[in-house]
């Protein structure tokens, strides 16, 4: 583990986001195992919300996939790892409220909670299995704003 990954791991324990992730994993009867780069993989998450195939709470990545399959998609795991870093720089649990605001903004802008969401864009839309339903604006040759 790099020093930055270790720092993120410690920060997410102290800011209570990883303990929250472990509590959700325990209550949802997910199987927790060590993952790469200081992450914890919680397999077999079966609650209805959120609708995603994977989501992160601190350094805990909860997957709907069963043990042995969860965490094997390196691209998706990288996306979730970036969310783990976002928890650290948002000081933990405030990330949940900030993410909610960003998802609401995205819904207003695009009708989709991810495509204009700052946190999903920073983590990589495609890596998270999302599509950009509302491409960014580009300038036309005449200097007017047009949709891409």
N, C-alpha and C. Protein backbone atom coordinates (compact mmCIF):
# COMPACT_ATOMS: atom_id res chain seq x y z
N UNK A 1 0.84 -1.17 0.00
CA UNK A 1 0.00 0.00 0.00
C UNK A 1 0.89 1.24 0.00
N UNK A 2 0.50 2.23 -0.79
CA UNK A 2 1.26 3.48 -0.83
C UNK A 2 0.94 4.32 0.41
N UNK A 3 1.77 5.30 0.72
CA UNK A 3 1.46 6.18 1.85
C UNK A 3 0.10 6.89 1.67
N UNK A 4 -0.25 7.29 0.46
CA UNK A 4 -1.53 7.95 0.22
C UNK A 4 -2.69 7.00 0.48
N UNK A 5 -2.56 5.75 0.08
CA UNK A 5 -3.61 4.77 0.32
C UNK A 5 -3.76 4.48 1.81
N UNK A 6 -2.63 4.41 2.51
CA UNK A 6 -2.66 4.20 3.96
C UNK A 6 -3.31 5.39 4.66
N UNK A 7 -2.96 6.61 4.22
CA UNK A 7 -3.57 7.82 4.78
C UNK A 7 -5.08 7.80 4.57
N UNK A 8 -5.53 7.44 3.36
CA UNK A 8 -6.96 7.36 3.06
C UNK A 8 -7.63 6.34 3.98
N UNK A 9 -6.98 5.20 4.16
CA UNK A 9 -7.53 4.14 5.01
C UNK A 9 -7.73 4.65 6.44
N UNK A 10 -6.72 5.29 6.99
CA UNK A 10 -6.80 5.82 8.37
C UNK A 10 -7.84 6.94 8.45
N UNK A 11 -7.83 7.86 7.47
CA UNK A 11 -8.78 8.97 7.47
C UNK A 11 -10.22 8.46 7.45
N UNK A 12 -10.48 7.43 6.65
CA UNK A 12 -11.85 6.93 6.55
C UNK A 12 -12.30 6.12 7.77
N UNK A 13 -11.35 5.64 8.55
CA UNK A 13 -11.72 5.03 9.84
C UNK A 13 -12.04 6.14 10.83
N UNK A 14 -11.18 7.15 10.88
CA UNK A 14 -11.38 8.25 11.84
C UNK A 14 -12.62 9.08 11.53
N UNK A 15 -12.95 9.24 10.24
CA UNK A 15 -14.12 10.06 9.89
C UNK A 15 -15.42 9.25 9.92
N UNK A 16 -15.33 7.99 10.34
CA UNK A 16 -16.46 7.09 10.58
C UNK A 16 -17.14 6.54 9.32
N UNK A 17 -16.61 6.85 8.13
CA UNK A 17 -17.25 6.31 6.93
C UNK A 17 -16.96 4.82 6.75
N UNK A 18 -15.75 4.37 7.07
CA UNK A 18 -15.46 2.93 6.98
C UNK A 18 -16.22 2.14 8.05
N UNK A 19 -16.27 2.61 9.31
CA UNK A 19 -17.11 1.89 10.28
C UNK A 19 -18.58 1.80 9.83
N UNK A 20 -19.11 2.86 9.20
CA UNK A 20 -20.47 2.81 8.68
C UNK A 20 -20.58 1.72 7.60
N UNK A 21 -19.57 1.66 6.71
CA UNK A 21 -19.56 0.64 5.67
C UNK A 21 -19.53 -0.77 6.24
N UNK A 22 -18.74 -0.96 7.28
CA UNK A 22 -18.68 -2.28 7.93
C UNK A 22 -20.00 -2.62 8.62
N UNK A 23 -20.65 -1.63 9.21
CA UNK A 23 -21.95 -1.86 9.84
C UNK A 23 -23.01 -2.24 8.80
N UNK A 24 -23.03 -1.53 7.67
CA UNK A 24 -23.98 -1.86 6.60
C UNK A 24 -23.69 -3.25 6.06
N UNK A 25 -22.43 -3.58 5.89
CA UNK A 25 -22.06 -4.92 5.42
C UNK A 25 -22.54 -5.99 6.40
N UNK A 26 -22.36 -5.75 7.69
CA UNK A 26 -22.77 -6.74 8.69
C UNK A 26 -24.30 -6.91 8.72
N UNK A 27 -25.01 -5.80 8.75
CA UNK A 27 -26.47 -5.85 8.82
C UNK A 27 -27.06 -6.46 7.55
N UNK A 28 -26.44 -6.22 6.40
CA UNK A 28 -26.94 -6.76 5.13
C UNK A 28 -26.42 -8.18 4.87
N UNK A 29 -25.66 -8.70 5.82
CA UNK A 29 -25.09 -10.05 5.74
C UNK A 29 -24.18 -10.24 4.53
N UNK A 30 -23.45 -9.19 4.20
CA UNK A 30 -22.44 -9.28 3.14
C UNK A 30 -21.18 -9.90 3.72
N UNK A 31 -20.44 -10.60 2.87
CA UNK A 31 -19.18 -11.23 3.28
C UNK A 31 -18.04 -10.25 3.03
N UNK A 32 -17.32 -9.88 4.09
CA UNK A 32 -16.24 -8.90 3.97
C UNK A 32 -14.89 -9.60 3.91
N UNK A 33 -14.07 -9.16 2.95
CA UNK A 33 -12.71 -9.69 2.82
C UNK A 33 -11.78 -8.56 2.42
N UNK A 34 -10.48 -8.70 2.72
CA UNK A 34 -9.53 -7.66 2.32
C UNK A 34 -9.45 -7.56 0.81
N UNK A 35 -9.35 -6.33 0.33
CA UNK A 35 -9.19 -6.08 -1.10
C UNK A 35 -7.87 -5.39 -1.35
N UNK A 36 -7.65 -4.97 -2.57
CA UNK A 36 -6.39 -4.29 -2.89
C UNK A 36 -6.37 -2.85 -2.38
N UNK A 37 -5.19 -2.32 -2.20
CA UNK A 37 -4.96 -0.90 -1.90
C UNK A 37 -5.71 -0.39 -0.68
N UNK A 38 -5.86 -1.25 0.33
CA UNK A 38 -6.49 -0.85 1.58
C UNK A 38 -8.00 -0.87 1.56
N UNK A 39 -8.59 -1.36 0.49
CA UNK A 39 -10.05 -1.45 0.41
C UNK A 39 -10.53 -2.74 1.06
N UNK A 40 -11.79 -2.75 1.44
CA UNK A 40 -12.45 -3.95 1.94
C UNK A 40 -13.57 -4.28 0.97
N UNK A 41 -13.67 -5.52 0.56
CA UNK A 41 -14.68 -5.96 -0.40
C UNK A 41 -15.80 -6.65 0.38
N UNK A 42 -17.01 -6.11 0.26
CA UNK A 42 -18.18 -6.71 0.88
C UNK A 42 -19.03 -7.31 -0.24
N UNK A 43 -19.09 -8.62 -0.29
CA UNK A 43 -19.78 -9.33 -1.37
C UNK A 43 -21.16 -9.79 -0.94
N UNK A 44 -22.06 -9.87 -1.92
CA UNK A 44 -23.39 -10.40 -1.66
C UNK A 44 -24.36 -9.41 -1.06
N UNK A 45 -24.11 -8.11 -1.23
CA UNK A 45 -25.04 -7.09 -0.75
C UNK A 45 -26.36 -7.26 -1.50
N UNK A 46 -27.48 -7.38 -0.77
CA UNK A 46 -28.74 -7.68 -1.45
C UNK A 46 -29.89 -6.74 -1.12
N UNK A 47 -29.64 -5.61 -0.51
CA UNK A 47 -30.71 -4.66 -0.26
C UNK A 47 -31.09 -3.96 -1.56
N UNK A 48 -32.29 -3.42 -1.63
CA UNK A 48 -32.78 -2.79 -2.86
C UNK A 48 -32.06 -1.49 -3.19
N UNK A 49 -31.72 -0.72 -2.17
CA UNK A 49 -31.06 0.57 -2.41
C UNK A 49 -29.63 0.55 -1.92
N UNK A 50 -28.74 1.21 -2.58
CA UNK A 50 -28.93 1.86 -3.88
C UNK A 50 -29.02 0.83 -5.00
N UNK A 51 -29.44 1.28 -6.17
CA UNK A 51 -29.68 0.38 -7.29
C UNK A 51 -28.38 -0.08 -7.98
N UNK A 52 -27.28 0.53 -7.68
CA UNK A 52 -26.01 0.23 -8.35
C UNK A 52 -25.52 -1.18 -8.04
N UNK A 53 -24.71 -1.71 -8.94
CA UNK A 53 -24.11 -3.02 -8.74
C UNK A 53 -23.03 -3.00 -7.67
N UNK A 54 -22.50 -1.81 -7.40
CA UNK A 54 -21.49 -1.63 -6.35
C UNK A 54 -21.60 -0.19 -5.85
N UNK A 55 -21.27 0.00 -4.59
CA UNK A 55 -21.19 1.34 -4.03
C UNK A 55 -20.22 1.31 -2.87
N UNK A 56 -19.78 2.49 -2.47
CA UNK A 56 -18.71 2.59 -1.49
C UNK A 56 -19.15 3.39 -0.27
N UNK A 57 -18.75 2.91 0.90
CA UNK A 57 -18.89 3.64 2.15
C UNK A 57 -17.51 3.63 2.81
N UNK A 58 -16.82 4.75 2.76
CA UNK A 58 -15.45 4.80 3.28
C UNK A 58 -14.55 3.93 2.43
N UNK A 59 -13.86 2.98 3.06
CA UNK A 59 -13.00 2.06 2.33
C UNK A 59 -13.68 0.72 2.07
N UNK A 60 -14.98 0.64 2.34
CA UNK A 60 -15.74 -0.59 2.12
C UNK A 60 -16.49 -0.48 0.80
N UNK A 61 -16.21 -1.39 -0.12
CA UNK A 61 -16.90 -1.43 -1.40
C UNK A 61 -17.89 -2.58 -1.34
N UNK A 62 -19.17 -2.25 -1.39
CA UNK A 62 -20.23 -3.25 -1.30
C UNK A 62 -20.67 -3.64 -2.71
N UNK A 63 -20.61 -4.92 -3.00
CA UNK A 63 -20.97 -5.46 -4.31
C UNK A 63 -22.19 -6.35 -4.18
N UNK A 64 -23.05 -6.29 -5.17
CA UNK A 64 -24.17 -7.22 -5.24
C UNK A 64 -23.68 -8.62 -5.62
N UNK A 65 -22.59 -8.67 -6.34
CA UNK A 65 -22.03 -9.95 -6.79
C UNK A 65 -21.62 -10.80 -5.59
N UNK A 66 -21.64 -12.13 -5.77
CA UNK A 66 -21.25 -13.01 -4.66
C UNK A 66 -19.74 -13.02 -4.43
N UNK A 67 -19.36 -13.56 -3.28
CA UNK A 67 -17.95 -13.72 -2.94
C UNK A 67 -17.26 -14.52 -4.06
N UNK A 68 -16.08 -14.13 -4.45
CA UNK A 68 -15.35 -14.79 -5.52
C UNK A 68 -15.51 -14.07 -6.84
N UNK A 69 -16.61 -13.34 -7.00
CA UNK A 69 -16.84 -12.55 -8.20
C UNK A 69 -16.69 -11.07 -7.89
N UNK A 70 -17.14 -10.66 -6.72
CA UNK A 70 -17.08 -9.27 -6.30
C UNK A 70 -15.63 -8.77 -6.31
N UNK A 71 -15.44 -7.60 -6.87
CA UNK A 71 -14.11 -7.00 -6.88
C UNK A 71 -13.21 -7.47 -7.99
N UNK A 72 -13.70 -8.31 -8.89
CA UNK A 72 -12.83 -8.82 -9.97
C UNK A 72 -12.80 -7.90 -11.18
N UNK A 73 -13.73 -6.96 -11.27
CA UNK A 73 -13.73 -5.99 -12.36
C UNK A 73 -12.82 -4.83 -11.94
N UNK A 74 -11.60 -4.82 -12.47
CA UNK A 74 -10.60 -3.84 -12.06
C UNK A 74 -11.03 -2.41 -12.39
N UNK A 75 -11.74 -2.20 -13.49
CA UNK A 75 -12.17 -0.86 -13.88
C UNK A 75 -13.21 -0.35 -12.88
N UNK A 76 -14.20 -1.16 -12.56
CA UNK A 76 -15.22 -0.77 -11.59
C UNK A 76 -14.60 -0.57 -10.20
N UNK A 77 -13.69 -1.44 -9.83
CA UNK A 77 -13.04 -1.30 -8.53
C UNK A 77 -12.25 0.01 -8.46
N UNK A 78 -11.61 0.40 -9.56
CA UNK A 78 -10.90 1.68 -9.60
C UNK A 78 -11.85 2.85 -9.42
N UNK A 79 -13.02 2.76 -10.05
CA UNK A 79 -14.05 3.79 -9.90
C UNK A 79 -14.47 3.90 -8.43
N UNK A 80 -14.74 2.78 -7.81
CA UNK A 80 -15.15 2.77 -6.41
C UNK A 80 -14.02 3.24 -5.49
N UNK A 81 -12.80 2.93 -5.84
CA UNK A 81 -11.66 3.41 -5.05
C UNK A 81 -11.58 4.93 -5.08
N UNK A 82 -11.89 5.54 -6.23
CA UNK A 82 -11.90 7.00 -6.30
C UNK A 82 -12.99 7.57 -5.38
N UNK A 83 -14.13 6.88 -5.27
CA UNK A 83 -15.15 7.31 -4.31
C UNK A 83 -14.61 7.22 -2.88
N UNK A 84 -13.83 6.21 -2.59
CA UNK A 84 -13.23 6.06 -1.27
C UNK A 84 -12.35 7.27 -0.95
N UNK A 85 -11.59 7.72 -1.93
CA UNK A 85 -10.77 8.92 -1.76
C UNK A 85 -11.64 10.14 -1.55
N UNK A 86 -12.78 10.20 -2.23
CA UNK A 86 -13.69 11.33 -2.06
C UNK A 86 -14.23 11.39 -0.63
N UNK A 87 -14.51 10.23 -0.04
CA UNK A 87 -14.92 10.22 1.37
C UNK A 87 -13.85 10.88 2.23
N UNK A 88 -12.59 10.55 1.97
CA UNK A 88 -11.50 11.09 2.79
C UNK A 88 -11.41 12.60 2.66
N UNK A 89 -11.46 13.14 1.43
CA UNK A 89 -11.31 14.59 1.31
C UNK A 89 -12.58 15.36 1.65
N UNK A 90 -13.72 14.69 1.72
CA UNK A 90 -14.97 15.33 2.18
C UNK A 90 -15.16 15.14 3.69
N UNK A 91 -14.16 14.59 4.36
CA UNK A 91 -14.17 14.37 5.80
C UNK A 91 -15.22 13.35 6.24
N UNK A 92 -15.46 12.36 5.39
CA UNK A 92 -16.31 11.24 5.77
C UNK A 92 -17.76 11.41 5.45
N UNK A 93 -18.59 11.35 6.48
CA UNK A 93 -20.03 11.30 6.30
C UNK A 93 -20.63 12.50 5.57
N UNK A 94 -20.04 13.71 5.64
CA UNK A 94 -20.58 14.81 4.82
C UNK A 94 -20.60 14.46 3.32
N UNK A 95 -19.76 13.51 2.90
CA UNK A 95 -19.78 13.09 1.49
C UNK A 95 -21.18 12.65 1.07
N UNK A 96 -21.90 11.97 1.96
CA UNK A 96 -23.23 11.46 1.61
C UNK A 96 -24.17 12.61 1.25
N UNK A 97 -24.16 13.69 2.03
CA UNK A 97 -25.01 14.85 1.73
C UNK A 97 -24.53 15.55 0.46
N UNK A 98 -23.22 15.72 0.33
CA UNK A 98 -22.67 16.37 -0.86
C UNK A 98 -22.99 15.57 -2.11
N UNK A 99 -22.88 14.26 -2.01
CA UNK A 99 -23.20 13.39 -3.15
C UNK A 99 -24.69 13.53 -3.50
N UNK A 100 -25.56 13.59 -2.48
CA UNK A 100 -26.99 13.76 -2.72
C UNK A 100 -27.30 15.06 -3.45
N UNK A 101 -26.64 16.14 -3.05
CA UNK A 101 -26.81 17.42 -3.74
C UNK A 101 -26.33 17.31 -5.18
N UNK A 102 -25.18 16.69 -5.39
CA UNK A 102 -24.64 16.53 -6.74
C UNK A 102 -25.56 15.66 -7.61
N UNK A 103 -26.15 14.64 -7.02
CA UNK A 103 -27.08 13.78 -7.77
C UNK A 103 -28.35 14.55 -8.12
N UNK A 104 -28.83 15.37 -7.19
CA UNK A 104 -30.00 16.20 -7.47
C UNK A 104 -29.73 17.20 -8.57
N UNK A 105 -28.57 17.83 -8.52
CA UNK A 105 -28.16 18.77 -9.57
C UNK A 105 -28.11 18.05 -10.92
N UNK A 106 -27.55 16.88 -10.92
CA UNK A 106 -27.45 16.10 -12.16
C UNK A 106 -28.85 15.76 -12.70
N UNK A 107 -29.76 15.40 -11.80
CA UNK A 107 -31.14 15.11 -12.23
C UNK A 107 -31.79 16.32 -12.87
N UNK A 108 -31.59 17.50 -12.26
CA UNK A 108 -32.15 18.73 -12.83
C UNK A 108 -31.55 19.04 -14.20
N UNK A 109 -30.25 18.82 -14.33
CA UNK A 109 -29.54 19.17 -15.57
C UNK A 109 -29.74 18.15 -16.69
N UNK A 110 -29.83 16.87 -16.32
CA UNK A 110 -29.81 15.84 -17.37
C UNK A 110 -30.90 14.78 -17.26
N UNK A 111 -31.62 14.77 -16.16
CA UNK A 111 -32.61 13.72 -15.95
C UNK A 111 -31.99 12.42 -15.49
N UNK A 112 -30.71 12.47 -15.15
CA UNK A 112 -29.96 11.28 -14.73
C UNK A 112 -29.13 11.66 -13.51
N UNK A 113 -29.13 10.85 -12.44
CA UNK A 113 -28.40 11.25 -11.23
C UNK A 113 -26.87 11.16 -11.35
N UNK A 114 -26.37 10.58 -12.41
CA UNK A 114 -24.91 10.42 -12.52
C UNK A 114 -24.25 11.31 -13.56
N UNK A 115 -24.88 11.55 -14.69
CA UNK A 115 -24.15 12.14 -15.82
C UNK A 115 -23.62 13.55 -15.57
N UNK A 116 -24.27 14.35 -14.73
CA UNK A 116 -23.76 15.69 -14.39
C UNK A 116 -23.30 15.76 -12.94
N UNK A 117 -23.18 14.63 -12.29
CA UNK A 117 -22.78 14.55 -10.89
C UNK A 117 -21.26 14.70 -10.80
N UNK A 118 -20.81 15.74 -10.10
CA UNK A 118 -19.37 16.01 -9.98
C UNK A 118 -18.61 14.77 -9.50
N UNK A 119 -19.13 14.09 -8.49
CA UNK A 119 -18.41 12.97 -7.90
C UNK A 119 -18.32 11.78 -8.86
N UNK A 120 -19.37 11.52 -9.61
CA UNK A 120 -19.33 10.43 -10.59
C UNK A 120 -18.44 10.78 -11.76
N UNK A 121 -18.46 12.02 -12.18
CA UNK A 121 -17.58 12.43 -13.29
C UNK A 121 -16.12 12.32 -12.85
N UNK A 122 -15.82 12.74 -11.62
CA UNK A 122 -14.45 12.67 -11.12
C UNK A 122 -13.99 11.22 -10.98
N UNK A 123 -14.91 10.33 -10.59
CA UNK A 123 -14.57 8.91 -10.44
C UNK A 123 -14.52 8.18 -11.77
N UNK A 124 -15.08 8.79 -12.82
CA UNK A 124 -15.08 8.20 -14.15
C UNK A 124 -16.43 7.58 -14.48
N UNK A 125 -17.23 8.29 -15.26
CA UNK A 125 -18.57 7.80 -15.58
C UNK A 125 -18.55 6.42 -16.21
N UNK A 126 -17.77 6.24 -17.24
CA UNK A 126 -17.75 4.95 -17.97
C UNK A 126 -17.24 3.84 -17.05
N UNK A 127 -16.23 4.13 -16.25
CA UNK A 127 -15.69 3.13 -15.33
C UNK A 127 -16.74 2.66 -14.33
N UNK A 128 -17.67 3.56 -13.97
CA UNK A 128 -18.73 3.21 -13.04
C UNK A 128 -19.95 2.60 -13.72
N UNK A 129 -19.88 2.45 -15.04
CA UNK A 129 -21.00 1.86 -15.78
C UNK A 129 -22.06 2.87 -16.17
N UNK A 130 -21.72 4.15 -16.12
CA UNK A 130 -22.67 5.20 -16.46
C UNK A 130 -22.40 5.72 -17.87
N UNK A 131 -23.42 6.35 -18.46
CA UNK A 131 -23.23 7.02 -19.74
C UNK A 131 -23.46 8.50 -19.54
N UNK A 132 -22.86 9.30 -20.37
CA UNK A 132 -23.01 10.74 -20.33
C UNK A 132 -24.24 11.08 -21.16
N UNK A 133 -25.38 11.21 -20.50
CA UNK A 133 -26.64 11.45 -21.21
C UNK A 133 -26.80 12.90 -21.64
N UNK A 134 -25.93 13.76 -21.19
CA UNK A 134 -26.03 15.17 -21.53
C UNK A 134 -24.63 15.71 -21.78
N UNK A 135 -24.11 15.54 -23.00
CA UNK A 135 -22.74 15.97 -23.28
C UNK A 135 -22.52 17.44 -22.97
N UNK A 136 -21.29 17.77 -22.69
CA UNK A 136 -20.93 19.16 -22.40
C UNK A 136 -21.14 20.03 -23.63
N UNK A 137 -21.37 21.30 -23.37
CA UNK A 137 -21.54 22.25 -24.46
C UNK A 137 -20.21 22.54 -25.13
N UNK A 138 -20.29 22.87 -26.40
CA UNK A 138 -19.10 23.27 -27.15
C UNK A 138 -19.42 24.56 -27.88
N UNK A 139 -18.41 25.34 -28.17
CA UNK A 139 -18.62 26.57 -28.93
C UNK A 139 -18.71 26.24 -30.41
N UNK A 140 -19.66 26.90 -31.07
CA UNK A 140 -19.78 26.76 -32.52
C UNK A 140 -18.76 27.68 -33.17
N UNK A 141 -18.50 27.51 -34.45
CA UNK A 141 -17.55 28.40 -35.13
C UNK A 141 -17.95 29.86 -35.03
N UNK A 142 -19.25 30.17 -34.91
CA UNK A 142 -19.71 31.56 -34.83
C UNK A 142 -19.62 32.08 -33.40
N UNK A 143 -19.16 31.26 -32.46
CA UNK A 143 -19.01 31.70 -31.08
C UNK A 143 -20.24 31.45 -30.23
N UNK A 144 -21.29 30.84 -30.79
CA UNK A 144 -22.49 30.53 -30.03
C UNK A 144 -22.35 29.18 -29.38
N UNK A 145 -23.00 29.01 -28.25
CA UNK A 145 -22.97 27.73 -27.54
C UNK A 145 -23.92 26.76 -28.22
N UNK A 146 -23.43 25.54 -28.49
CA UNK A 146 -24.26 24.49 -29.07
C UNK A 146 -24.08 23.21 -28.26
N UNK A 147 -25.03 22.31 -28.34
CA UNK A 147 -24.91 21.02 -27.68
C UNK A 147 -24.04 20.10 -28.50
N UNK A 148 -23.17 19.37 -27.83
CA UNK A 148 -22.29 18.43 -28.54
C UNK A 148 -23.02 17.17 -28.88
